[in-house]
Amino acid sequence: MVDNVYANAFGTDTGRCFRYVYEAGTTRPTRCPSRPARRGWWRDNSGRWWQVDACADHESPLRSARNAAPLPRCDLAPGAVTAKG
């Protein structure tokens, strides 16, 4: 089994893990699909600090980490249209 490899990219969207990873057998990085567990500060390669959310697997590089706010549970994708019945 091949472990995921971190891409030289990240995202700052609230409610999503900040890491992008290359999964075995893929050619493009994808966003980590895990739910965030912690919010904290992370420094990129240029030395700039960003406030990001991280899942339990990716929280170790965060500084001043605290629990991420719980996300509401929703079965619909953002912008989904519901049927009226």
C-alpha atoms as a PDB file:
ATOM      1  CA  MET A   1       0.000   0.000   0.000  1.00  0.00           C
ATOM      2  CA  VAL A   2       1.295   3.447  -0.937  1.00  0.00           C
ATOM      3  CA  ASP A   3       0.767   6.335   1.465  1.00  0.00           C
ATOM      4  CA  ASN A   4      -0.703   9.622   0.292  1.00  0.00           C
ATOM      5  CA  VAL A   5       1.812  12.311  -0.641  1.00  0.00           C
ATOM      6  CA  TYR A   6       1.216  15.979   0.186  1.00  0.00           C
ATOM      7  CA  ALA A   7       0.907  18.342  -2.740  1.00  0.00           C
ATOM      8  CA  ASN A   8       2.541  21.764  -2.663  1.00  0.00           C
ATOM      9  CA  ALA A   9      -0.936  23.277  -2.344  1.00  0.00           C
ATOM     10  CA  PHE A  10      -3.461  23.962   0.385  1.00  0.00           C
ATOM     11  CA  GLY A  11      -6.867  25.542   0.847  1.00  0.00           C
ATOM     12  CA  THR A  12      -8.234  27.931   3.443  1.00  0.00           C
ATOM     13  CA  ASP A  13     -11.956  27.140   3.126  1.00  0.00           C
ATOM     14  CA  THR A  14     -13.632  26.959   6.518  1.00  0.00           C
ATOM     15  CA  GLY A  15     -15.047  23.516   7.214  1.00  0.00           C
ATOM     16  CA  ARG A  16     -12.615  21.597   4.991  1.00  0.00           C
ATOM     17  CA  CYS A  17      -9.212  20.122   5.730  1.00  0.00           C
ATOM     18  CA  PHE A  18      -6.519  22.380   4.281  1.00  0.00           C
ATOM     19  CA  ARG A  19      -4.328  19.617   2.811  1.00  0.00           C
ATOM     20  CA  TYR A  20      -4.264  18.548  -0.819  1.00  0.00           C
ATOM     21  CA  VAL A  21      -2.894  15.059  -1.372  1.00  0.00           C
ATOM     22  CA  TYR A  22      -1.837  12.852  -4.251  1.00  0.00           C
ATOM     23  CA  GLU A  23      -3.495   9.480  -3.898  1.00  0.00           C
ATOM     24  CA  ALA A  24      -1.869   6.383  -5.326  1.00  0.00           C
ATOM     25  CA  GLY A  25      -2.558   6.097  -9.040  1.00  0.00           C
ATOM     26  CA  THR A  26      -3.659   9.712  -9.579  1.00  0.00           C
ATOM     27  CA  THR A  27      -1.913  12.530 -11.406  1.00  0.00           C
ATOM     28  CA  ARG A  28      -3.679  15.502  -9.781  1.00  0.00           C
ATOM     29  CA  PRO A  29      -3.879  16.433  -6.119  1.00  0.00           C
ATOM     30  CA  THR A  30      -7.291  16.363  -4.467  1.00  0.00           C
ATOM     31  CA  ARG A  31      -8.580  17.969  -1.312  1.00  0.00           C
ATOM     32  CA  CYS A  32      -8.425  15.795   1.789  1.00  0.00           C
ATOM     33  CA  PRO A  33     -11.997  14.491   2.207  1.00  0.00           C
ATOM     34  CA  SER A  34     -11.890  14.099   6.005  1.00  0.00           C
ATOM     35  CA  ARG A  35     -13.930  16.319   8.325  1.00  0.00           C
ATOM     36  CA  PRO A  36     -11.911  18.978  10.149  1.00  0.00           C
ATOM     37  CA  ALA A  37     -11.187  18.381  13.799  1.00  0.00           C
ATOM     38  CA  ARG A  38      -8.992  21.388  14.630  1.00  0.00           C
ATOM     39  CA  ARG A  39      -8.496  24.999  13.538  1.00  0.00           C
ATOM     40  CA  GLY A  40      -5.138  26.666  13.868  1.00  0.00           C
ATOM     41  CA  TRP A  41      -2.326  28.536  12.154  1.00  0.00           C
ATOM     42  CA  TRP A  42      -0.109  26.964   9.491  1.00  0.00           C
ATOM     43  CA  ARG A  43       2.942  28.476   7.760  1.00  0.00           C
ATOM     44  CA  ASP A  44       3.434  27.922   4.030  1.00  0.00           C
ATOM     45  CA  ASN A  45       6.788  27.521   2.231  1.00  0.00           C
ATOM     46  CA  SER A  46       7.141  31.286   1.759  1.00  0.00           C
ATOM     47  CA  GLY A  47       6.791  31.910   5.515  1.00  0.00           C
ATOM     48  CA  ARG A  48       3.258  33.367   5.417  1.00  0.00           C
ATOM     49  CA  TRP A  49       0.839  32.251   8.153  1.00  0.00           C
ATOM     50  CA  TRP A  50      -2.702  31.088   7.342  1.00  0.00           C
ATOM     51  CA  GLN A  51      -5.634  30.155   9.568  1.00  0.00           C
ATOM     52  CA  VAL A  52      -6.825  26.754   8.400  1.00  0.00           C
ATOM     53  CA  ASP A  53      -8.967  23.791   9.433  1.00  0.00           C
ATOM     54  CA  ALA A  54      -7.382  20.341   9.588  1.00  0.00           C
ATOM     55  CA  CYS A  55      -8.601  16.793  10.024  1.00  0.00           C
ATOM     56  CA  ALA A  56      -7.172  14.590  12.770  1.00  0.00           C
ATOM     57  CA  ASP A  57      -4.540  13.182  10.386  1.00  0.00           C
ATOM     58  CA  HIS A  58      -3.249  16.617   9.322  1.00  0.00           C
ATOM     59  CA  GLU A  59      -3.443  18.662  12.532  1.00  0.00           C
ATOM     60  CA  SER A  60       0.149  18.104  13.688  1.00  0.00           C
ATOM     61  CA  PRO A  61       1.750  21.100  11.863  1.00  0.00           C
ATOM     62  CA  LEU A  62      -0.814  23.587  13.227  1.00  0.00           C
ATOM     63  CA  ARG A  63       0.114  26.229  15.804  1.00  0.00           C
ATOM     64  CA  SER A  64      -2.343  27.484  18.447  1.00  0.00           C
ATOM     65  CA  ALA A  65      -4.783  24.769  17.410  1.00  0.00           C
ATOM     66  CA  ARG A  66      -8.232  24.563  18.942  1.00  0.00           C
ATOM     67  CA  ASN A  67     -11.248  22.417  18.231  1.00  0.00           C
ATOM     68  CA  ALA A  68     -12.979  23.339  14.988  1.00  0.00           C
ATOM     69  CA  ALA A  69     -16.591  24.439  15.284  1.00  0.00           C
ATOM     70  CA  PRO A  70     -18.932  21.514  14.665  1.00  0.00           C
ATOM     71  CA  LEU A  71     -20.368  21.548  11.171  1.00  0.00           C
ATOM     72  CA  PRO A  72     -24.117  21.240  10.628  1.00  0.00           C
ATOM     73  CA  ARG A  73     -25.181  17.901   9.202  1.00  0.00           C
ATOM     74  CA  CYS A  74     -26.831  18.250   5.831  1.00  0.00           C
ATOM     75  CA  ASP A  75     -27.633  15.587   3.266  1.00  0.00           C
ATOM     76  CA  LEU A  76     -27.861  18.089   0.416  1.00  0.00           C
ATOM     77  CA  ALA A  77     -24.960  19.553  -1.480  1.00  0.00           C
ATOM     78  CA  PRO A  78     -24.647  23.353  -1.321  1.00  0.00           C
ATOM     79  CA  GLY A  79     -27.036  24.894  -3.829  1.00  0.00           C
ATOM     80  CA  ALA A  80     -29.047  21.696  -4.288  1.00  0.00           C
ATOM     81  CA  VAL A  81     -32.685  22.109  -5.265  1.00  0.00           C
ATOM     82  CA  THR A  82     -35.285  20.227  -3.270  1.00  0.00           C
ATOM     83  CA  ALA A  83     -38.421  18.764  -4.812  1.00  0.00           C
ATOM     84  CA  LYS A  84     -41.709  20.188  -3.624  1.00  0.00           C
ATOM     85  CA  GLY A  85     -44.301  17.618  -2.978  1.00  0.00           C
END
